[in-house]
Amino acid sequence: MIRSLGGWTALKKVRASRRERLKGDERILGDSDFVSTLLSKADERYTQHYELKRLGYDLDKIAHRLRAIYGIDKRHVVSKGRQRPRVEARSLLCYWAVRELGMTLTELALLFVMSPSAIGYSVQRGETIAEENNYQLMG
């Protein structure tokens, strides 16, 4: 953060001219406004994970949503196969589980008997499918 301001001299000038404190986090490079925005978005995502869990969202509820979209049972979604609807449903499940519920790639890799990197690709594919078709988990 000190570097992004221009060094110690610039930091002293900013402190002298401002009454409020600068927001910073050593893990995030950027100015105070950027850090504040990023941290608030992270807090929103964290809050959203717990709100969905409070509403009872889990893998079974995601599978129920996929049944409404694709007409595929959960056991067919989690089983191996490369049929297009099955792959799309599995990708959406991975996307929603990781991005909406906060599950890890490793957790899903154990469930699907796949590598975490394959789950990561599935999450990316699921994100594309959700955006192109305007699919929402709570819909």
C-alpha atoms as a PDB file:
ATOM      1  CA  MET A   1       0.000   0.000   0.000  1.00  0.00           C
ATOM      2  CA  ILE A   2       2.856   2.343   0.760  1.00  0.00           C
ATOM      3  CA  ARG A   3       4.275   1.755  -2.709  1.00  0.00           C
ATOM      4  CA  SER A   4       0.910   2.386  -4.372  1.00  0.00           C
ATOM      5  CA  LEU A   5       0.751   5.773  -2.641  1.00  0.00           C
ATOM      6  CA  GLY A   6       4.258   6.694  -3.784  1.00  0.00           C
ATOM      7  CA  GLY A   7       6.396   5.863  -0.733  1.00  0.00           C
ATOM      8  CA  TRP A   8       6.654   6.988   2.863  1.00  0.00           C
ATOM      9  CA  THR A   9       6.766  10.701   2.046  1.00  0.00           C
ATOM     10  CA  ALA A  10       3.538  10.505   0.076  1.00  0.00           C
ATOM     11  CA  LEU A  11       1.932   8.489   2.871  1.00  0.00           C
ATOM     12  CA  LYS A  12       2.792  11.192   5.415  1.00  0.00           C
ATOM     13  CA  LYS A  13       1.269  13.861   3.145  1.00  0.00           C
ATOM     14  CA  VAL A  14      -1.909  11.831   2.703  1.00  0.00           C
ATOM     15  CA  ARG A  15      -2.194  11.271   6.443  1.00  0.00           C
ATOM     16  CA  ALA A  16      -1.699  14.984   7.107  1.00  0.00           C
ATOM     17  CA  SER A  17      -4.307  16.067   4.545  1.00  0.00           C
ATOM     18  CA  ARG A  18      -6.974  13.466   5.416  1.00  0.00           C
ATOM     19  CA  ARG A  19      -8.871  13.077   8.618  1.00  0.00           C
ATOM     20  CA  GLU A  20     -10.075   9.541   7.863  1.00  0.00           C
ATOM     21  CA  ARG A  21      -7.899   6.484   7.995  1.00  0.00           C
ATOM     22  CA  LEU A  22      -6.755   4.657   4.904  1.00  0.00           C
ATOM     23  CA  LYS A  23      -8.190   1.214   4.396  1.00  0.00           C
ATOM     24  CA  GLY A  24      -5.562  -1.375   3.637  1.00  0.00           C
ATOM     25  CA  ASP A  25      -4.877  -5.068   3.572  1.00  0.00           C
ATOM     26  CA  GLU A  26      -1.414  -6.456   2.933  1.00  0.00           C
ATOM     27  CA  ARG A  27      -2.884  -9.197   0.705  1.00  0.00           C
ATOM     28  CA  ILE A  28      -4.474  -6.654  -1.681  1.00  0.00           C
ATOM     29  CA  LEU A  29      -2.534  -4.146  -3.782  1.00  0.00           C
ATOM     30  CA  GLY A  30      -4.402  -0.941  -4.472  1.00  0.00           C
ATOM     31  CA  ASP A  31      -5.633   2.319  -3.027  1.00  0.00           C
ATOM     32  CA  SER A  32      -8.024   2.675  -0.117  1.00  0.00           C
ATOM     33  CA  ASP A  33     -11.192   2.860  -2.229  1.00  0.00           C
ATOM     34  CA  PHE A  34     -10.254  -0.246  -4.196  1.00  0.00           C
ATOM     35  CA  VAL A  35      -9.516  -2.209  -1.020  1.00  0.00           C
ATOM     36  CA  SER A  36     -12.801  -1.100   0.573  1.00  0.00           C
ATOM     37  CA  THR A  37     -14.779  -2.118  -2.511  1.00  0.00           C
ATOM     38  CA  LEU A  38     -13.063  -5.481  -2.740  1.00  0.00           C
ATOM     39  CA  LEU A  39     -13.552  -6.268   0.940  1.00  0.00           C
ATOM     40  CA  SER A  40     -17.242  -5.320   0.812  1.00  0.00           C
ATOM     41  CA  LYS A  41     -17.775  -7.608  -2.193  1.00  0.00           C
ATOM     42  CA  ALA A  42     -16.050 -10.433  -0.341  1.00  0.00           C
ATOM     43  CA  ASP A  43     -18.296  -9.803   2.654  1.00  0.00           C
ATOM     44  CA  GLU A  44     -21.397  -9.885   0.404  1.00  0.00           C
ATOM     45  CA  ARG A  45     -20.305 -13.225  -1.057  1.00  0.00           C
ATOM     46  CA  TYR A  46     -19.613 -14.574   2.449  1.00  0.00           C
ATOM     47  CA  THR A  47     -23.046 -13.421   3.612  1.00  0.00           C
ATOM     48  CA  GLN A  48     -24.695 -14.942   0.526  1.00  0.00           C
ATOM     49  CA  HIS A  49     -23.126 -18.364   1.252  1.00  0.00           C
ATOM     50  CA  TYR A  50     -24.628 -18.410   4.725  1.00  0.00           C
ATOM     51  CA  GLU A  51     -27.997 -17.095   3.576  1.00  0.00           C
ATOM     52  CA  LEU A  52     -28.286 -19.918   1.030  1.00  0.00           C
ATOM     53  CA  LYS A  53     -27.268 -22.468   3.663  1.00  0.00           C
ATOM     54  CA  ARG A  54     -29.844 -20.988   6.054  1.00  0.00           C
ATOM     55  CA  LEU A  55     -32.486 -21.462   3.367  1.00  0.00           C
ATOM     56  CA  GLY A  56     -31.501 -25.120   3.135  1.00  0.00           C
ATOM     57  CA  TYR A  57     -29.494 -25.030  -0.078  1.00  0.00           C
ATOM     58  CA  ASP A  58     -27.150 -27.965  -0.443  1.00  0.00           C
ATOM     59  CA  LEU A  59     -26.184 -30.384  -3.221  1.00  0.00           C
ATOM     60  CA  ASP A  60     -29.599 -32.073  -3.058  1.00  0.00           C
ATOM     61  CA  LYS A  61     -31.402 -28.767  -3.551  1.00  0.00           C
ATOM     62  CA  ILE A  62     -29.089 -27.909  -6.448  1.00  0.00           C
ATOM     63  CA  ALA A  63     -29.830 -31.329  -7.949  1.00  0.00           C
ATOM     64  CA  HIS A  64     -33.548 -30.601  -7.588  1.00  0.00           C
ATOM     65  CA  ARG A  65     -33.044 -27.332  -9.485  1.00  0.00           C
ATOM     66  CA  LEU A  66     -31.126 -29.198 -12.212  1.00  0.00           C
ATOM     67  CA  ARG A  67     -33.987 -31.690 -12.484  1.00  0.00           C
ATOM     68  CA  ALA A  68     -36.284 -28.740 -13.219  1.00  0.00           C
ATOM     69  CA  ILE A  69     -33.911 -27.441 -15.924  1.00  0.00           C
ATOM     70  CA  TYR A  70     -32.652 -30.652 -17.558  1.00  0.00           C
ATOM     71  CA  GLY A  71     -34.995 -33.365 -16.325  1.00  0.00           C
ATOM     72  CA  ILE A  72     -32.013 -35.373 -15.031  1.00  0.00           C
ATOM     73  CA  ASP A  73     -31.922 -37.229 -11.705  1.00  0.00           C
ATOM     74  CA  LYS A  74     -29.124 -36.505  -9.213  1.00  0.00           C
ATOM     75  CA  ARG A  75     -27.681 -40.005  -9.567  1.00  0.00           C
ATOM     76  CA  HIS A  76     -27.237 -39.406 -13.319  1.00  0.00           C
ATOM     77  CA  VAL A  77     -25.625 -36.015 -12.732  1.00  0.00           C
ATOM     78  CA  VAL A  78     -22.985 -37.341 -10.336  1.00  0.00           C
ATOM     79  CA  SER A  79     -22.304 -40.553 -12.260  1.00  0.00           C
ATOM     80  CA  LYS A  80     -19.746 -40.727 -15.044  1.00  0.00           C
ATOM     81  CA  GLY A  81     -20.822 -39.980 -18.578  1.00  0.00           C
ATOM     82  CA  ARG A  82     -20.166 -37.537 -21.379  1.00  0.00           C
ATOM     83  CA  GLN A  83     -23.649 -36.996 -22.745  1.00  0.00           C
ATOM     84  CA  ARG A  84     -24.173 -33.288 -23.341  1.00  0.00           C
ATOM     85  CA  PRO A  85     -27.125 -32.731 -20.940  1.00  0.00           C
ATOM     86  CA  ARG A  86     -25.340 -34.689 -18.200  1.00  0.00           C
ATOM     87  CA  VAL A  87     -22.106 -32.710 -18.633  1.00  0.00           C
ATOM     88  CA  GLU A  88     -23.998 -29.395 -18.635  1.00  0.00           C
ATOM     89  CA  ALA A  89     -25.966 -30.347 -15.524  1.00  0.00           C
ATOM     90  CA  ARG A  90     -22.792 -31.505 -13.757  1.00  0.00           C
ATOM     91  CA  SER A  91     -21.029 -28.272 -14.735  1.00  0.00           C
ATOM     92  CA  LEU A  92     -23.878 -26.153 -13.367  1.00  0.00           C
ATOM     93  CA  LEU A  93     -23.880 -28.191 -10.171  1.00  0.00           C
ATOM     94  CA  CYS A  94     -20.145 -27.588  -9.755  1.00  0.00           C
ATOM     95  CA  TYR A  95     -20.500 -23.878 -10.531  1.00  0.00           C
ATOM     96  CA  TRP A  96     -23.338 -23.329  -8.058  1.00  0.00           C
ATOM     97  CA  ALA A  97     -21.736 -25.495  -5.379  1.00  0.00           C
ATOM     98  CA  VAL A  98     -18.431 -23.624  -5.553  1.00  0.00           C
ATOM     99  CA  ARG A  99     -19.558 -20.065  -6.252  1.00  0.00           C
ATOM    100  CA  GLU A 100     -22.899 -19.977  -4.433  1.00  0.00           C
ATOM    101  CA  LEU A 101     -22.443 -22.453  -1.568  1.00  0.00           C
ATOM    102  CA  GLY A 102     -18.700 -21.967  -1.068  1.00  0.00           C
ATOM    103  CA  MET A 103     -17.733 -25.621  -1.441  1.00  0.00           C
ATOM    104  CA  THR A 104     -14.144 -26.391  -2.357  1.00  0.00           C
ATOM    105  CA  LEU A 105     -12.921 -28.014  -5.542  1.00  0.00           C
ATOM    106  CA  THR A 106     -11.469 -30.816  -3.435  1.00  0.00           C
ATOM    107  CA  GLU A 107     -14.837 -31.604  -1.832  1.00  0.00           C
ATOM    108  CA  LEU A 108     -16.463 -31.899  -5.241  1.00  0.00           C
ATOM    109  CA  ALA A 109     -13.522 -33.855  -6.649  1.00  0.00           C
ATOM    110  CA  LEU A 110     -14.071 -36.500  -3.979  1.00  0.00           C
ATOM    111  CA  LEU A 111     -17.804 -36.617  -4.742  1.00  0.00           C
ATOM    112  CA  PHE A 112     -17.340 -36.964  -8.509  1.00  0.00           C
ATOM    113  CA  VAL A 113     -14.115 -39.018  -8.340  1.00  0.00           C
ATOM    114  CA  MET A 114     -12.373 -36.444 -10.510  1.00  0.00           C
ATOM    115  CA  SER A 115      -9.315 -34.255 -10.070  1.00  0.00           C
ATOM    116  CA  PRO A 116      -9.724 -30.796  -8.520  1.00  0.00           C
ATOM    117  CA  SER A 117      -8.457 -29.227 -11.763  1.00  0.00           C
ATOM    118  CA  ALA A 118     -11.171 -31.061 -13.745  1.00  0.00           C
ATOM    119  CA  ILE A 119     -13.730 -29.674 -11.289  1.00  0.00           C
ATOM    120  CA  GLY A 120     -12.244 -26.217 -11.854  1.00  0.00           C
ATOM    121  CA  TYR A 121     -12.823 -26.543 -15.590  1.00  0.00           C
ATOM    122  CA  SER A 122     -16.331 -27.741 -14.872  1.00  0.00           C
ATOM    123  CA  VAL A 123     -16.968 -24.651 -12.729  1.00  0.00           C
ATOM    124  CA  GLN A 124     -15.826 -22.413 -15.610  1.00  0.00           C
ATOM    125  CA  ARG A 125     -18.044 -24.321 -18.048  1.00  0.00           C
ATOM    126  CA  GLY A 126     -20.969 -24.034 -15.615  1.00  0.00           C
ATOM    127  CA  GLU A 127     -20.471 -20.287 -15.305  1.00  0.00           C
ATOM    128  CA  THR A 128     -20.664 -19.937 -19.090  1.00  0.00           C
ATOM    129  CA  ILE A 129     -23.803 -22.103 -19.256  1.00  0.00           C
ATOM    130  CA  ALA A 130     -25.471 -20.101 -16.471  1.00  0.00           C
ATOM    131  CA  GLU A 131     -24.663 -16.768 -18.128  1.00  0.00           C
ATOM    132  CA  GLU A 132     -25.681 -17.829 -21.647  1.00  0.00           C
ATOM    133  CA  ASN A 133     -29.008 -19.279 -20.512  1.00  0.00           C
ATOM    134  CA  ASN A 134     -29.621 -16.856 -17.625  1.00  0.00           C
ATOM    135  CA  TYR A 135     -29.922 -19.741 -15.135  1.00  0.00           C
ATOM    136  CA  GLN A 136     -30.159 -18.788 -11.479  1.00  0.00           C
ATOM    137  CA  LEU A 137     -29.859 -21.156  -8.535  1.00  0.00           C
ATOM    138  CA  MET A 138     -32.797 -19.530  -6.802  1.00  0.00           C
ATOM    139  CA  GLY A 139     -35.192 -19.522  -9.703  1.00  0.00           C
END
